[in-house]
PDB file of N, CA and C in Angstrom:
ATOM      1  N   MET A   1     -12.221  53.136  26.148  1.00  0.00           N
ATOM      2  CA  MET A   1     -11.179  53.869  25.827  1.00  0.00           C
ATOM      3  C   MET A   1     -11.390  55.132  25.310  1.00  0.00           C
ATOM      4  N   ALA A   2     -10.625  55.682  25.319  1.00  0.00           N
ATOM      5  CA  ALA A   2     -10.595  57.269  25.182  1.00  0.00           C
ATOM      6  C   ALA A   2     -10.654  57.312  23.913  1.00  0.00           C
ATOM      7  N   GLN A   3     -11.602  58.772  23.041  1.00  0.00           N
ATOM      8  CA  GLN A   3     -11.586  59.039  21.457  1.00  0.00           C
ATOM      9  C   GLN A   3     -10.273  59.965  21.233  1.00  0.00           C
ATOM     10  N   ALA A   4     -10.411  60.018  20.187  1.00  0.00           N
ATOM     11  CA  ALA A   4      -8.790  60.614  19.735  1.00  0.00           C
ATOM     12  C   ALA A   4      -8.666  62.139  20.111  1.00  0.00           C
ATOM     13  N   ASN A   5      -9.619  62.646  20.324  1.00  0.00           N
ATOM     14  CA  ASN A   5      -9.491  64.450  20.943  1.00  0.00           C
ATOM     15  C   ASN A   5      -9.598  64.156  22.781  1.00  0.00           C
ATOM     16  N   GLU A   6      -9.750  63.061  23.682  1.00  0.00           N
ATOM     17  CA  GLU A   6      -9.773  63.196  24.717  1.00  0.00           C
ATOM     18  C   GLU A   6      -8.341  62.672  25.380  1.00  0.00           C
ATOM     19  N   SER A   7      -7.925  63.379  26.602  1.00  0.00           N
ATOM     20  CA  SER A   7      -6.460  63.469  26.798  1.00  0.00           C
ATOM     21  C   SER A   7      -6.886  61.833  27.992  1.00  0.00           C
ATOM     22  N   GLU A   8      -6.199  60.876  28.033  1.00  0.00           N
ATOM     23  CA  GLU A   8      -5.500  59.904  29.181  1.00  0.00           C
ATOM     24  C   GLU A   8      -5.740  60.442  30.842  1.00  0.00           C
ATOM     25  N   TYR A   9      -5.821  61.985  31.083  1.00  0.00           N
ATOM     26  CA  TYR A   9      -5.992  62.158  32.034  1.00  0.00           C
ATOM     27  C   TYR A   9      -7.404  63.055  32.217  1.00  0.00           C
ATOM     28  N   VAL A  10      -7.657  63.708  33.180  1.00  0.00           N
ATOM     29  CA  VAL A  10      -8.548  64.970  33.907  1.00  0.00           C
ATOM     30  C   VAL A  10      -7.948  65.612  34.922  1.00  0.00           C
ATOM     31  N   THR A  11      -8.660  67.119  34.583  1.00  0.00           N
ATOM     32  CA  THR A  11      -8.408  67.943  36.474  1.00  0.00           C
ATOM     33  C   THR A  11      -9.490  67.944  37.019  1.00  0.00           C
ATOM     34  N   LEU A  12      -9.246  67.607  38.155  1.00  0.00           N
ATOM     35  CA  LEU A  12     -10.455  68.046  38.965  1.00  0.00           C
ATOM     36  C   LEU A  12      -9.889  69.117  40.098  1.00  0.00           C
ATOM     37  N   GLU A  13     -10.695  70.450  39.904  1.00  0.00           N
ATOM     38  CA  GLU A  13     -10.335  71.510  40.894  1.00  0.00           C
ATOM     39  C   GLU A  13     -10.896  71.975  41.875  1.00  0.00           C
ATOM     40  N   SER A  14     -10.449  71.985  43.257  1.00  0.00           N
ATOM     41  CA  SER A  14     -11.264  71.717  44.149  1.00  0.00           C
ATOM     42  C   SER A  14     -11.430  72.993  45.084  1.00  0.00           C
ATOM     43  N   SER A  15     -12.656  73.581  45.724  1.00  0.00           N
ATOM     44  CA  SER A  15     -13.085  75.019  45.712  1.00  0.00           C
ATOM     45  C   SER A  15     -12.049  75.719  46.675  1.00  0.00           C
ATOM     46  N   ASP A  16     -11.185  75.055  47.154  1.00  0.00           N
ATOM     47  CA  ASP A  16      -9.818  76.011  47.769  1.00  0.00           C
ATOM     48  C   ASP A  16      -8.812  76.238  46.292  1.00  0.00           C
ATOM     49  N   GLY A  17      -9.293  75.981  44.898  1.00  0.00           N
ATOM     50  CA  GLY A  17      -8.087  75.926  43.885  1.00  0.00           C
ATOM     51  C   GLY A  17      -6.812  74.791  43.743  1.00  0.00           C
ATOM     52  N   PHE A  18      -7.481  74.199  44.487  1.00  0.00           N
ATOM     53  CA  PHE A  18      -6.061  73.235  44.468  1.00  0.00           C
ATOM     54  C   PHE A  18      -6.130  72.055  43.439  1.00  0.00           C
ATOM     55  N   GLN A  19      -6.249  71.253  42.055  1.00  0.00           N
ATOM     56  CA  GLN A  19      -5.701  70.601  40.848  1.00  0.00           C
ATOM     57  C   GLN A  19      -5.318  69.537  40.997  1.00  0.00           C
ATOM     58  N   PHE A  20      -6.312  67.981  40.848  1.00  0.00           N
ATOM     59  CA  PHE A  20      -5.751  66.920  40.748  1.00  0.00           C
ATOM     60  C   PHE A  20      -5.951  66.410  39.181  1.00  0.00           C
ATOM     61  N   VAL A  21      -4.839  66.661  38.868  1.00  0.00           N
ATOM     62  CA  VAL A  21      -4.752  65.486  37.542  1.00  0.00           C
ATOM     63  C   VAL A  21      -4.592  63.749  37.709  1.00  0.00           C
ATOM     64  N   ILE A  22      -6.020  63.655  36.812  1.00  0.00           N
ATOM     65  CA  ILE A  22      -5.721  62.397  37.751  1.00  0.00           C
ATOM     66  C   ILE A  22      -6.082  61.249  36.056  1.00  0.00           C
ATOM     67  N   HIS A  23      -5.856  60.039  36.388  1.00  0.00           N
ATOM     68  CA  HIS A  23      -6.692  59.125  34.913  1.00  0.00           C
ATOM     69  C   HIS A  23      -8.116  59.158  34.604  1.00  0.00           C
ATOM     70  N   ARG A  24      -7.860  58.871  33.268  1.00  0.00           N
ATOM     71  CA  ARG A  24      -9.851  59.759  33.038  1.00  0.00           C
ATOM     72  C   ARG A  24     -10.493  58.406  33.441  1.00  0.00           C
ATOM     73  N   GLU A  25      -9.346  57.221  33.258  1.00  0.00           N
ATOM     74  CA  GLU A  25     -10.027  55.752  33.580  1.00  0.00           C
ATOM     75  C   GLU A  25     -10.667  55.734  34.997  1.00  0.00           C
ATOM     76  N   ALA A  26     -10.082  56.233  35.653  1.00  0.00           N
ATOM     77  CA  ALA A  26     -10.560  56.384  37.294  1.00  0.00           C
ATOM     78  C   ALA A  26     -11.019  57.259  37.739  1.00  0.00           C
ATOM     79  N   ALA A  27     -11.210  58.424  36.792  1.00  0.00           N
ATOM     80  CA  ALA A  27     -12.509  59.677  37.523  1.00  0.00           C
ATOM     81  C   ALA A  27     -13.787  59.295  37.093  1.00  0.00           C
ATOM     82  N   MET A  28     -13.623  58.340  35.616  1.00  0.00           N
ATOM     83  CA  MET A  28     -14.785  57.881  35.282  1.00  0.00           C
ATOM     84  C   MET A  28     -15.712  56.933  36.339  1.00  0.00           C
ATOM     85  N   LEU A  29     -15.003  56.300  37.155  1.00  0.00           N
ATOM     86  CA  LEU A  29     -15.813  55.395  38.251  1.00  0.00           C
ATOM     87  C   LEU A  29     -16.968  56.160  38.918  1.00  0.00           C
ATOM     88  N   SER A  30     -16.831  57.307  38.513  1.00  0.00           N
ATOM     89  CA  SER A  30     -17.953  58.290  39.563  1.00  0.00           C
ATOM     90  C   SER A  30     -18.696  58.626  38.368  1.00  0.00           C
ATOM     91  N   GLY A  31     -19.619  58.291  38.583  1.00  0.00           N
ATOM     92  CA  GLY A  31     -21.229  58.401  37.389  1.00  0.00           C
ATOM     93  C   GLY A  31     -21.631  59.704  37.225  1.00  0.00           C
ATOM     94  N   THR A  32     -20.854  60.763  38.523  1.00  0.00           N
ATOM     95  CA  THR A  32     -21.021  62.590  37.942  1.00  0.00           C
ATOM     96  C   THR A  32     -20.362  62.722  36.984  1.00  0.00           C
ATOM     97  N   VAL A  33     -18.879  62.627  37.593  1.00  0.00           N
ATOM     98  CA  VAL A  33     -17.725  62.788  36.537  1.00  0.00           C
ATOM     99  C   VAL A  33     -18.093  61.882  35.465  1.00  0.00           C
ATOM    100  N   LYS A  34     -18.303  61.010  35.016  1.00  0.00           N
ATOM    101  CA  LYS A  34     -18.631  60.641  33.979  1.00  0.00           C
ATOM    102  C   LYS A  34     -19.458  61.061  32.709  1.00  0.00           C
ATOM    103  N   ASN A  35     -20.657  61.814  33.445  1.00  0.00           N
ATOM    104  CA  ASN A  35     -21.848  62.042  32.985  1.00  0.00           C
ATOM    105  C   ASN A  35     -21.090  63.623  32.192  1.00  0.00           C
ATOM    106  N   MET A  36     -20.114  64.216  33.103  1.00  0.00           N
ATOM    107  CA  MET A  36     -20.051  65.737  32.756  1.00  0.00           C
ATOM    108  C   MET A  36     -18.697  65.543  31.599  1.00  0.00           C
ATOM    109  N   LEU A  37     -18.022  64.366  31.864  1.00  0.00           N
ATOM    110  CA  LEU A  37     -16.900  63.877  30.664  1.00  0.00           C
ATOM    111  C   LEU A  37     -17.738  63.191  29.710  1.00  0.00           C
ATOM    112  N   SER A  38     -18.751  63.173  29.577  1.00  0.00           N
ATOM    113  CA  SER A  38     -19.324  62.281  28.661  1.00  0.00           C
ATOM    114  C   SER A  38     -20.551  63.216  27.951  1.00  0.00           C
ATOM    115  N   SER A  39     -21.105  64.125  28.382  1.00  0.00           N
ATOM    116  CA  SER A  39     -22.280  64.704  27.651  1.00  0.00           C
ATOM    117  C   SER A  39     -21.505  64.981  25.795  1.00  0.00           C
ATOM    118  N   SER A  40     -22.730  65.592  25.432  1.00  0.00           N
ATOM    119  CA  SER A  40     -22.911  65.948  24.134  1.00  0.00           C
ATOM    120  C   SER A  40     -22.862  66.799  24.084  1.00  0.00           C
ATOM    121  N   GLY A  41     -21.881  67.861  23.414  1.00  0.00           N
ATOM    122  CA  GLY A  41     -22.268  69.042  23.276  1.00  0.00           C
ATOM    123  C   GLY A  41     -20.534  70.146  23.545  1.00  0.00           C
ATOM    124  N   GLN A  42     -20.352  71.063  23.761  1.00  0.00           N
ATOM    125  CA  GLN A  42     -19.346  72.159  24.552  1.00  0.00           C
ATOM    126  C   GLN A  42     -19.001  72.535  25.534  1.00  0.00           C
ATOM    127  N   PHE A  43     -19.995  71.740  26.040  1.00  0.00           N
ATOM    128  CA  PHE A  43     -19.201  72.129  27.812  1.00  0.00           C
ATOM    129  C   PHE A  43     -17.748  71.913  28.147  1.00  0.00           C
ATOM    130  N   THR A  44     -17.324  73.719  28.905  1.00  0.00           N
ATOM    131  CA  THR A  44     -15.679  73.201  29.041  1.00  0.00           C
ATOM    132  C   THR A  44     -15.260  71.854  29.765  1.00  0.00           C
ATOM    133  N   GLU A  45     -16.455  71.041  30.735  1.00  0.00           N
ATOM    134  CA  GLU A  45     -16.034  69.766  31.236  1.00  0.00           C
ATOM    135  C   GLU A  45     -15.346  68.941  30.501  1.00  0.00           C
ATOM    136  N   THR A  46     -16.166  68.559  29.593  1.00  0.00           N
ATOM    137  CA  THR A  46     -15.812  67.871  27.996  1.00  0.00           C
ATOM    138  C   THR A  46     -15.100  68.010  27.027  1.00  0.00           C
ATOM    139  N   THR A  47     -14.951  69.240  27.292  1.00  0.00           N
ATOM    140  CA  THR A  47     -13.828  69.627  25.935  1.00  0.00           C
ATOM    141  C   THR A  47     -12.951  70.122  26.616  1.00  0.00           C
ATOM    142  N   GLU A  48     -12.389  70.414  27.161  1.00  0.00           N
ATOM    143  CA  GLU A  48     -11.286  71.058  28.156  1.00  0.00           C
ATOM    144  C   GLU A  48     -10.271  69.526  29.359  1.00  0.00           C
ATOM    145  N   GLY A  49     -11.471  68.828  29.889  1.00  0.00           N
ATOM    146  CA  GLY A  49     -11.053  67.850  30.529  1.00  0.00           C
ATOM    147  C   GLY A  49     -10.716  68.019  31.731  1.00  0.00           C
ATOM    148  N   ILE A  50     -11.312  69.572  32.328  1.00  0.00           N
ATOM    149  CA  ILE A  50     -11.474  70.012  33.852  1.00  0.00           C
ATOM    150  C   ILE A  50     -12.571  70.618  34.099  1.00  0.00           C
ATOM    151  N   ILE A  51     -12.740  69.586  35.447  1.00  0.00           N
ATOM    152  CA  ILE A  51     -13.793  69.916  35.995  1.00  0.00           C
ATOM    153  C   ILE A  51     -13.907  70.495  37.323  1.00  0.00           C
ATOM    154  N   HIS A  52     -14.679  71.944  37.848  1.00  0.00           N
ATOM    155  CA  HIS A  52     -14.413  72.577  38.941  1.00  0.00           C
ATOM    156  C   HIS A  52     -15.397  72.341  40.244  1.00  0.00           C
ATOM    157  N   PHE A  53     -15.100  72.051  41.121  1.00  0.00           N
ATOM    158  CA  PHE A  53     -16.276  71.497  42.055  1.00  0.00           C
ATOM    159  C   PHE A  53     -16.205  72.732  43.271  1.00  0.00           C
ATOM    160  N   ARG A  54     -16.889  73.669  43.027  1.00  0.00           N
ATOM    161  CA  ARG A  54     -16.925  74.463  44.222  1.00  0.00           C
ATOM    162  C   ARG A  54     -16.818  74.546  45.335  1.00  0.00           C
ATOM    163  N   ASP A  55     -18.068  73.225  45.611  1.00  0.00           N
ATOM    164  CA  ASP A  55     -18.773  72.648  47.032  1.00  0.00           C
ATOM    165  C   ASP A  55     -17.167  71.463  47.915  1.00  0.00           C
ATOM    166  N   ILE A  56     -16.428  71.614  47.128  1.00  0.00           N
ATOM    167  CA  ILE A  56     -15.474  70.177  47.431  1.00  0.00           C
ATOM    168  C   ILE A  56     -14.146  70.799  48.070  1.00  0.00           C
ATOM    169  N   LYS A  57     -14.058  70.969  49.003  1.00  0.00           N
ATOM    170  CA  LYS A  57     -12.224  71.246  48.980  1.00  0.00           C
ATOM    171  C   LYS A  57     -11.431  69.944  48.982  1.00  0.00           C
ATOM    172  N   ALA A  58     -10.449  70.552  48.840  1.00  0.00           N
ATOM    173  CA  ALA A  58      -9.021  69.808  48.494  1.00  0.00           C
ATOM    174  C   ALA A  58      -8.657  68.858  49.471  1.00  0.00           C
ATOM    175  N   VAL A  59      -8.845  68.630  50.647  1.00  0.00           N
ATOM    176  CA  VAL A  59      -8.489  67.578  51.530  1.00  0.00           C
ATOM    177  C   VAL A  59      -9.904  66.498  51.312  1.00  0.00           C
ATOM    178  N   ILE A  60     -10.916  66.934  50.801  1.00  0.00           N
ATOM    179  CA  ILE A  60     -11.994  66.024  50.786  1.00  0.00           C
ATOM    180  C   ILE A  60     -11.299  64.864  48.833  1.00  0.00           C
ATOM    181  N   LEU A  61     -11.902  66.028  48.660  1.00  0.00           N
ATOM    182  CA  LEU A  61     -11.137  65.894  47.243  1.00  0.00           C
ATOM    183  C   LEU A  61     -10.207  64.847  46.743  1.00  0.00           C
ATOM    184  N   GLU A  62      -9.021  65.100  47.344  1.00  0.00           N
ATOM    185  CA  GLU A  62      -7.989  63.747  47.751  1.00  0.00           C
ATOM    186  C   GLU A  62      -8.481  62.577  48.020  1.00  0.00           C
ATOM    187  N   LYS A  63      -9.258  62.602  49.254  1.00  0.00           N
ATOM    188  CA  LYS A  63     -10.066  61.578  49.184  1.00  0.00           C
ATOM    189  C   LYS A  63     -10.463  60.627  48.419  1.00  0.00           C
ATOM    190  N   VAL A  64     -11.264  61.221  47.911  1.00  0.00           N
ATOM    191  CA  VAL A  64     -11.877  60.463  47.022  1.00  0.00           C
ATOM    192  C   VAL A  64     -11.139  60.099  45.298  1.00  0.00           C
ATOM    193  N   CYS A  65     -10.332  61.315  45.056  1.00  0.00           N
ATOM    194  CA  CYS A  65      -9.200  60.926  44.264  1.00  0.00           C
ATOM    195  C   CYS A  65      -8.565  59.304  44.507  1.00  0.00           C
ATOM    196  N   LYS A  66      -8.562  59.025  45.362  1.00  0.00           N
ATOM    197  CA  LYS A  66      -7.520  57.996  46.162  1.00  0.00           C
ATOM    198  C   LYS A  66      -8.495  57.020  46.457  1.00  0.00           C
ATOM    199  N   TYR A  67      -9.557  56.977  46.854  1.00  0.00           N
ATOM    200  CA  TYR A  67     -10.429  56.106  46.676  1.00  0.00           C
ATOM    201  C   TYR A  67     -10.742  55.213  44.712  1.00  0.00           C
ATOM    202  N   TRP A  68     -10.681  55.841  44.332  1.00  0.00           N
ATOM    203  CA  TRP A  68     -11.014  56.177  42.790  1.00  0.00           C
ATOM    204  C   TRP A  68      -9.803  54.752  42.310  1.00  0.00           C
ATOM    205  N   TYR A  69      -8.935  54.986  42.842  1.00  0.00           N
ATOM    206  CA  TYR A  69      -7.834  54.260  42.049  1.00  0.00           C
ATOM    207  C   TYR A  69      -8.137  53.331  43.278  1.00  0.00           C
ATOM    208  N   TYR A  70      -7.860  53.126  44.377  1.00  0.00           N
ATOM    209  CA  TYR A  70      -8.303  52.205  45.420  1.00  0.00           C
ATOM    210  C   TYR A  70      -9.320  51.113  44.468  1.00  0.00           C
ATOM    211  N   LYS A  71     -10.233  51.753  44.554  1.00  0.00           N
ATOM    212  CA  LYS A  71     -11.630  50.673  43.632  1.00  0.00           C
ATOM    213  C   LYS A  71     -11.201  50.582  42.526  1.00  0.00           C
ATOM    214  N   ALA A  72     -10.190  50.996  41.661  1.00  0.00           N
ATOM    215  CA  ALA A  72      -9.653  50.582  40.283  1.00  0.00           C
ATOM    216  C   ALA A  72      -9.371  49.431  40.234  1.00  0.00           C
ATOM    217  N   ARG A  73      -8.186  49.745  41.714  1.00  0.00           N
ATOM    218  CA  ARG A  73      -7.147  48.675  41.571  1.00  0.00           C
ATOM    219  C   ARG A  73      -7.892  47.361  42.066  1.00  0.00           C
ATOM    220  N   TYR A  74      -8.567  46.914  43.123  1.00  0.00           N
ATOM    221  CA  TYR A  74      -9.245  46.002  43.628  1.00  0.00           C
ATOM    222  C   TYR A  74     -10.364  45.994  42.984  1.00  0.00           C
ATOM    223  N   LEU A  75     -10.915  46.576  42.206  1.00  0.00           N
ATOM    224  CA  LEU A  75     -12.905  46.065  41.545  1.00  0.00           C
ATOM    225  C   LEU A  75     -12.766  44.369  41.306  1.00  0.00           C
ATOM    226  N   ASN A  76     -11.705  43.964  40.520  1.00  0.00           N
ATOM    227  CA  ASN A  76     -12.416  42.504  40.207  1.00  0.00           C
ATOM    228  C   ASN A  76     -11.695  41.400  41.207  1.00  0.00           C
ATOM    229  N   SER A  77     -10.985  42.378  42.150  1.00  0.00           N
ATOM    230  CA  SER A  77     -10.046  41.583  43.058  1.00  0.00           C
ATOM    231  C   SER A  77     -10.560  40.128  43.317  1.00  0.00           C
ATOM    232  N   VAL A  78     -10.145  39.056  43.474  1.00  0.00           N
ATOM    233  CA  VAL A  78     -10.354  37.794  44.083  1.00  0.00           C
ATOM    234  C   VAL A  78      -9.354  37.648  45.622  1.00  0.00           C
ATOM    235  N   THR A  79      -8.481  38.757  45.742  1.00  0.00           N
ATOM    236  CA  THR A  79      -8.366  38.543  47.031  1.00  0.00           C
ATOM    237  C   THR A  79      -8.681  39.352  47.825  1.00  0.00           C
ATOM    238  N   GLU A  80      -8.267  39.431  49.485  1.00  0.00           N
ATOM    239  CA  GLU A  80      -9.302  40.085  50.506  1.00  0.00           C
ATOM    240  C   GLU A  80      -8.731  41.936  50.090  1.00  0.00           C
ATOM    241  N   ILE A  81      -9.797  42.332  50.174  1.00  0.00           N
ATOM    242  CA  ILE A  81      -9.580  43.760  50.014  1.00  0.00           C
ATOM    243  C   ILE A  81      -9.327  44.508  51.114  1.00  0.00           C
ATOM    244  N   PRO A  82      -8.396  45.321  51.318  1.00  0.00           N
ATOM    245  CA  PRO A  82      -7.882  45.773  52.650  1.00  0.00           C
ATOM    246  C   PRO A  82      -9.072  47.290  52.858  1.00  0.00           C
ATOM    247  N   HIS A  83      -8.776  47.737  54.332  1.00  0.00           N
ATOM    248  CA  HIS A  83      -9.740  48.540  54.730  1.00  0.00           C
ATOM    249  C   HIS A  83      -9.319  49.650  53.963  1.00  0.00           C
ATOM    250  N   PHE A  84     -10.594  50.794  53.273  1.00  0.00           N
ATOM    251  CA  PHE A  84      -9.779  52.188  52.957  1.00  0.00           C
ATOM    252  C   PHE A  84     -10.414  53.117  54.474  1.00  0.00           C
ATOM    253  N   GLU A  85      -8.879  53.449  54.517  1.00  0.00           N
ATOM    254  CA  GLU A  85      -8.822  54.400  55.937  1.00  0.00           C
ATOM    255  C   GLU A  85      -9.880  55.618  55.221  1.00  0.00           C
ATOM    256  N   ILE A  86     -10.805  56.459  56.597  1.00  0.00           N
ATOM    257  CA  ILE A  86     -10.903  57.526  56.289  1.00  0.00           C
ATOM    258  C   ILE A  86     -10.741  58.025  57.785  1.00  0.00           C
ATOM    259  N   GLU A  87      -9.754  59.391  57.746  1.00  0.00           N
ATOM    260  CA  GLU A  87      -9.977  59.923  58.792  1.00  0.00           C
ATOM    261  C   GLU A  87     -11.425  60.707  59.556  1.00  0.00           C
ATOM    262  N   PRO A  88     -11.742  60.326  60.929  1.00  0.00           N
ATOM    263  CA  PRO A  88     -12.785  60.237  61.726  1.00  0.00           C
ATOM    264  C   PRO A  88     -13.551  62.177  61.121  1.00  0.00           C
ATOM    265  N   GLU A  89     -12.156  62.974  61.310  1.00  0.00           N
ATOM    266  CA  GLU A  89     -12.735  64.280  61.281  1.00  0.00           C
ATOM    267  C   GLU A  89     -13.442  64.632  59.726  1.00  0.00           C
ATOM    268  N   TYR A  90     -13.009  63.386  58.949  1.00  0.00           N
ATOM    269  CA  TYR A  90     -13.187  64.044  57.199  1.00  0.00           C
ATOM    270  C   TYR A  90     -14.935  63.131  56.956  1.00  0.00           C
ATOM    271  N   ALA A  91     -14.504  62.165  58.070  1.00  0.00           N
ATOM    272  CA  ALA A  91     -15.366  61.285  57.759  1.00  0.00           C
ATOM    273  C   ALA A  91     -17.019  62.088  56.404  1.00  0.00           C
ATOM    274  N   LEU A  92     -17.699  62.785  57.085  1.00  0.00           N
ATOM    275  CA  LEU A  92     -18.770  63.159  57.026  1.00  0.00           C
ATOM    276  C   LEU A  92     -18.761  63.556  55.787  1.00  0.00           C
ATOM    277  N   GLU A  93     -17.699  64.600  55.452  1.00  0.00           N
ATOM    278  CA  GLU A  93     -17.750  65.464  54.164  1.00  0.00           C
ATOM    279  C   GLU A  93     -17.090  64.552  53.302  1.00  0.00           C
ATOM    280  N   THR A  94     -16.432  63.405  53.248  1.00  0.00           N
ATOM    281  CA  THR A  94     -16.086  62.850  52.493  1.00  0.00           C
ATOM    282  C   THR A  94     -16.772  61.893  51.998  1.00  0.00           C
ATOM    283  N   LEU A  95     -18.328  61.548  52.721  1.00  0.00           N
ATOM    284  CA  LEU A  95     -19.446  61.173  52.254  1.00  0.00           C
ATOM    285  C   LEU A  95     -20.397  61.506  51.560  1.00  0.00           C
ATOM    286  N   MET A  96     -20.386  62.701  52.172  1.00  0.00           N
ATOM    287  CA  MET A  96     -21.578  63.692  51.458  1.00  0.00           C
ATOM    288  C   MET A  96     -20.703  63.827  49.701  1.00  0.00           C
ATOM    289  N   ALA A  97     -19.909  63.984  49.366  1.00  0.00           N
ATOM    290  CA  ALA A  97     -19.270  64.659  48.550  1.00  0.00           C
ATOM    291  C   ALA A  97     -18.868  63.363  47.926  1.00  0.00           C
ATOM    292  N   ALA A  98     -18.988  62.166  48.247  1.00  0.00           N
ATOM    293  CA  ALA A  98     -18.700  60.796  47.625  1.00  0.00           C
ATOM    294  C   ALA A  98     -20.119  60.301  47.049  1.00  0.00           C
ATOM    295  N   ASP A  99     -20.887  60.961  47.932  1.00  0.00           N
ATOM    296  CA  ASP A  99     -22.563  60.488  46.913  1.00  0.00           C
ATOM    297  C   ASP A  99     -22.985  61.593  46.187  1.00  0.00           C
ATOM    298  N   PHE A 100     -22.225  62.862  46.253  1.00  0.00           N
ATOM    299  CA  PHE A 100     -22.893  63.706  44.934  1.00  0.00           C
ATOM    300  C   PHE A 100     -22.059  63.582  43.899  1.00  0.00           C
ATOM    301  N   LEU A 101     -20.304  62.802  43.974  1.00  0.00           N
ATOM    302  CA  LEU A 101     -20.126  62.659  42.528  1.00  0.00           C
ATOM    303  C   LEU A 101     -20.643  61.158  42.211  1.00  0.00           C
ATOM    304  N   ASP A 102     -21.178  60.451  43.134  1.00  0.00           N
ATOM    305  CA  ASP A 102     -21.727  59.194  42.576  1.00  0.00           C
ATOM    306  C   ASP A 102     -20.535  58.106  42.220  1.00  0.00           C
ATOM    307  N   SER A 103     -19.691  57.726  43.382  1.00  0.00           N
ATOM    308  CA  SER A 103     -18.957  57.150  43.632  1.00  0.00           C
ATOM    309  C   SER A 103     -19.300  55.425  44.590  1.00  0.00           C
ATOM    310  N   LYS A 104     -19.632  54.634  44.188  1.00  0.00           N
ATOM    311  CA  LYS A 104     -20.915  53.771  44.916  1.00  0.00           C
ATOM    312  C   LYS A 104     -19.525  53.196  45.074  1.00  0.00           C
ATOM    313  N   SER A 105     -19.841  52.554  46.561  1.00  0.00           N
ATOM    314  CA  SER A 105     -18.655  50.978  46.842  1.00  0.00           C
ATOM    315  C   SER A 105     -19.043  50.427  46.254  1.00  0.00           C
ATOM    316  N   PHE A 106     -18.183  49.529  46.719  1.00  0.00           N
ATOM    317  CA  PHE A 106     -17.938  47.557  45.794  1.00  0.00           C
ATOM    318  C   PHE A 106     -19.280  46.342  45.890  1.00  0.00           C
ATOM    319  N   CYS A 107     -19.800  47.025  46.814  1.00  0.00           N
ATOM    320  CA  CYS A 107     -21.136  46.492  46.946  1.00  0.00           C
ATOM    321  C   CYS A 107     -22.051  46.837  46.643  1.00  0.00           C
ATOM    322  N   GLY A 108     -22.038  48.250  45.924  1.00  0.00           N
ATOM    323  CA  GLY A 108     -23.341  49.044  45.810  1.00  0.00           C
ATOM    324  C   GLY A 108     -23.764  49.697  44.340  1.00  0.00           C
TER     325      GLY A 108
END
């Protein structure tokens, strides 16, 4: 649950300047983002709820955000989980970003 000074949303900014405003709950599925937003101290990420990713392009950050929502939707599902599509031309960059952001799969 969010503290009084925490917004329900966080802003993620890609290396090419695109901003994604997503639910804090979805973003917190990333271990890296969770650590950035939960750290004690007066870091910009903690105080403003904005995280800048210098090495992640918008097309990749968008796919990672979609995955967090996908994961949140099916996290405790007892039904068959549909396949999450990643275009082959973005597979390597998406995997690298997911690894950096500590975005574990359902079985990981």
